[in-house]
Protein backbone atom coordinates (compact mmCIF):
# COMPACT_ATOMS: atom_id res chain seq x y z
CA MET A 1 44.24 42.75 5.90
CA LYS A 2 45.40 39.12 5.96
CA ARG A 3 48.80 40.23 4.70
CA LEU A 4 49.07 42.81 7.48
CA LYS A 5 48.21 40.16 10.09
CA PHE A 6 50.79 37.81 8.57
CA VAL A 7 53.51 40.48 8.66
CA PHE A 8 52.59 41.42 12.23
CA GLY A 9 52.66 37.75 13.29
CA LEU A 10 56.01 37.26 11.58
CA LEU A 11 57.48 40.27 13.37
CA LEU A 12 56.21 38.98 16.71
CA ALA A 13 57.76 35.57 16.04
CA LEU A 14 61.07 37.12 15.05
CA GLY A 15 60.98 39.27 18.18
CA ALA A 16 60.54 36.14 20.29
CA VAL A 17 63.56 34.58 18.60
CA VAL A 18 65.63 37.69 19.25
CA GLN A 19 64.59 37.66 22.92
CA ALA A 20 65.48 33.98 23.40
CA ALA A 21 68.54 33.28 25.52
CA ALA A 22 71.41 31.23 24.13
CA PRO A 23 71.02 27.49 24.66
CA VAL A 24 72.55 25.86 27.72
CA PRO A 25 74.61 23.73 27.87
CA ARG A 26 76.91 24.92 25.09
CA PRO A 27 80.69 25.15 24.66
CA ALA A 28 82.03 28.38 26.10
CA PRO A 29 83.40 30.53 23.29
CA GLU A 30 86.85 32.01 23.74
CA PHE A 31 86.75 35.22 25.74
CA THR A 32 89.49 37.66 26.71
CA ILE A 33 89.37 39.65 29.92
CA HIS A 34 91.55 42.76 30.01
CA ALA A 35 93.05 43.45 33.42
CA PRO A 36 93.36 47.14 34.34
CA SER A 37 97.14 46.58 34.34
CA GLY A 38 96.97 45.81 30.61
CA LYS A 39 97.44 42.04 30.91
CA GLU A 40 95.00 39.78 29.10
CA ARG A 41 93.46 36.64 30.54
CA MET A 42 91.79 34.00 28.37
CA LEU A 43 88.88 32.06 29.88
CA SER A 44 90.07 28.91 28.08
CA ALA A 45 93.18 28.97 30.31
CA GLU A 46 90.89 28.07 33.22
CA LYS A 47 89.86 24.65 31.89
CA GLY A 48 89.87 22.16 34.74
CA LYS A 49 88.26 24.69 37.07
CA VAL A 50 84.64 25.68 37.57
CA CYS A 51 84.37 29.33 36.53
CA VAL A 52 81.73 31.86 37.36
CA VAL A 53 81.87 35.00 35.25
CA GLN A 54 79.98 38.06 36.42
CA PHE A 55 79.39 40.54 33.61
CA LEU A 56 78.77 43.79 35.47
CA PHE A 57 78.42 47.53 35.50
CA THR A 58 80.77 49.05 38.08
CA TRP A 59 78.09 51.41 39.42
CA CYS A 60 75.28 48.81 39.63
CA PRO A 61 74.07 48.02 43.19
CA HIS A 62 72.89 44.53 42.12
CA CYS A 63 76.35 43.82 40.69
CA GLN A 64 77.98 45.06 43.88
CA ALA A 65 75.72 42.90 46.06
CA SER A 66 76.26 39.73 44.02
CA ALA A 67 80.00 40.40 43.93
CA GLN A 68 80.01 40.24 47.72
CA TRP A 69 78.49 36.76 47.91
CA LEU A 70 80.53 35.59 44.91
CA SER A 71 83.62 36.76 46.83
CA LYS A 72 82.59 34.62 49.80
CA MET A 73 82.19 31.64 47.47
CA GLN A 74 85.60 32.29 45.91
CA THR A 75 87.20 32.38 49.35
CA GLU A 76 85.44 29.22 50.52
CA LEU A 77 85.65 27.16 47.33
CA GLY A 78 88.72 28.49 45.52
CA GLN A 79 90.92 25.71 46.94
CA LYS A 80 88.43 23.15 45.55
CA GLY A 81 88.68 24.55 42.01
CA LEU A 82 86.33 27.54 41.77
CA GLN A 83 87.47 30.67 39.94
CA VAL A 84 85.24 33.74 39.85
CA PHE A 85 85.90 36.59 37.41
CA GLY A 86 84.27 39.97 37.00
CA VAL A 87 84.02 41.67 33.62
CA ALA A 88 83.02 45.33 33.62
CA PHE A 89 81.35 46.47 30.41
CA ASN A 90 79.49 49.65 31.28
CA ASP A 91 79.99 52.66 29.02
CA GLU A 92 82.37 54.31 31.48
CA VAL A 93 84.94 51.50 31.18
CA LEU A 94 84.71 51.35 27.38
CA THR A 95 86.65 54.60 27.10
CA LYS A 96 90.24 54.61 25.94
CA ASP A 97 91.41 56.28 29.16
CA THR A 98 93.15 53.42 30.99
CA GLY A 99 93.69 55.58 34.07
CA GLU A 100 89.95 56.07 34.41
CA ASN A 101 89.38 52.32 33.84
CA ASN A 102 91.81 51.52 36.64
CA LYS A 103 89.87 53.83 38.98
CA LEU A 104 86.53 52.24 38.11
CA THR A 105 87.64 48.64 38.46
CA SER A 106 89.67 49.48 41.58
CA ALA A 107 86.61 51.10 43.14
CA PHE A 108 84.60 47.95 42.38
CA SER A 109 87.24 45.83 44.14
CA GLN A 110 85.78 46.96 47.48
CA TYR A 111 82.94 44.54 46.66
CA ALA A 112 84.92 41.82 44.88
CA SER A 113 87.89 39.83 46.14
CA PHE A 114 88.16 38.08 42.75
CA PRO A 115 89.83 39.43 39.58
CA VAL A 116 87.79 42.14 37.86
CA GLY A 117 88.75 43.08 34.34
CA LEU A 118 87.05 44.85 31.50
CA VAL A 119 86.37 44.71 27.80
CA THR A 120 86.94 47.33 25.15
CA ALA A 121 83.48 46.94 23.54
CA LYS A 122 80.07 45.55 24.49
CA GLU A 123 79.72 43.37 21.39
CA PRO A 124 82.10 40.59 22.58
CA VAL A 125 80.13 40.33 25.84
CA LEU A 126 76.79 40.14 24.05
CA ARG A 127 78.19 37.56 21.61
CA PHE A 128 79.54 35.46 24.50
CA LEU A 129 76.17 35.66 26.26
CA GLY A 130 74.29 34.91 23.04
CA LEU A 131 72.33 38.16 23.25
CA SER A 132 71.37 40.44 20.39
CA VAL A 133 72.55 44.05 20.35
CA VAL A 134 68.91 45.14 20.07
CA GLU A 135 67.84 42.99 23.00
CA GLY A 136 67.46 44.48 26.44
CA TYR A 137 69.32 42.85 29.31
CA GLY A 138 69.83 43.33 33.00
CA VAL A 139 73.02 43.17 35.01
CA PRO A 140 74.67 41.33 36.48
CA GLN A 141 74.74 38.63 33.85
CA LEU A 142 76.17 35.46 35.38
CA VAL A 143 77.62 32.49 33.53
CA VAL A 144 78.79 29.20 35.05
CA ILE A 145 81.36 27.19 33.09
CA ASP A 146 82.22 23.62 34.07
CA LYS A 147 85.67 22.01 34.20
CA LYS A 148 85.42 20.96 30.55
CA GLY A 149 84.72 24.47 29.29
CA VAL A 150 80.96 24.06 28.82
CA ILE A 151 78.51 26.77 29.86
CA ARG A 152 76.18 24.93 32.22
CA ALA A 153 74.07 27.86 33.43
CA GLN A 154 73.43 31.46 32.53
CA THR A 155 71.08 34.11 33.83
CA PRO A 156 68.23 35.04 31.51
CA PRO A 157 68.55 38.41 29.73
CA ARG A 158 66.44 39.98 32.46
CA PRO A 159 67.03 37.94 35.63
CA THR A 160 64.07 37.80 38.00
CA GLY A 161 62.85 35.57 40.77
CA SER A 162 64.61 33.53 43.39
CA ALA A 163 65.21 30.32 41.42
CA THR A 164 67.96 31.67 39.17
CA ILE A 165 71.73 31.50 39.54
CA ALA A 166 71.53 35.20 40.37
CA THR A 167 70.81 34.12 43.94
CA GLU A 168 73.51 32.86 46.28
CA SER A 169 71.76 29.64 47.34
CA VAL A 170 71.04 28.46 43.78
CA MET A 171 74.55 29.43 42.60
CA ARG A 172 76.19 27.72 45.56
CA GLU A 173 74.24 24.49 44.96
CA LEU A 174 75.19 24.42 41.27
CA VAL A 175 78.86 25.24 41.86
CA ASN A 176 79.19 22.54 44.54
CA LYS A 177 77.63 20.00 42.17
CA LEU A 178 80.02 20.97 39.35
CA LEU A 179 83.05 20.89 41.65
CA GLU A 180 82.22 17.26 42.51
CA GLU A 181 82.13 16.21 38.84
CA LYS A 182 85.18 14.43 37.45
């Protein structure tokens, strides 16, 4: 019986570790965004700017809503050094049909005035976010990278509440602070 309790406790502890979000701050790993046109954009090329990356599903209403306020921020703060990117990684964009990918990301552009690309597999996104493939997560997943290429904030795997960067006021406050940093 003691052995069963020990094994159960160990599994619970391991589950908690799997559910833990990646530490922040941490250096942003290299990440490639594939534009629907076929061009690739490396996040590291944006050093010197504050970047917000929205990992999204093209059909997700929460992703669409946050893209609208992120677009406003991009318009207002782009001249000061903000760059927002969208990265679609829902199953529909993981197909090999580039024509279909173009339609999906183009349809999402009605919500986003910033560049929206895609990835060819979910694993690079989960690795970048520091999430396990067995872990559940919500979308959008938002990441804020400072001018030095350090991830300074990230939504939890399942964002909830009004005090996270998944809300416009909290995101705006953080981005303004980072834009003022040397």
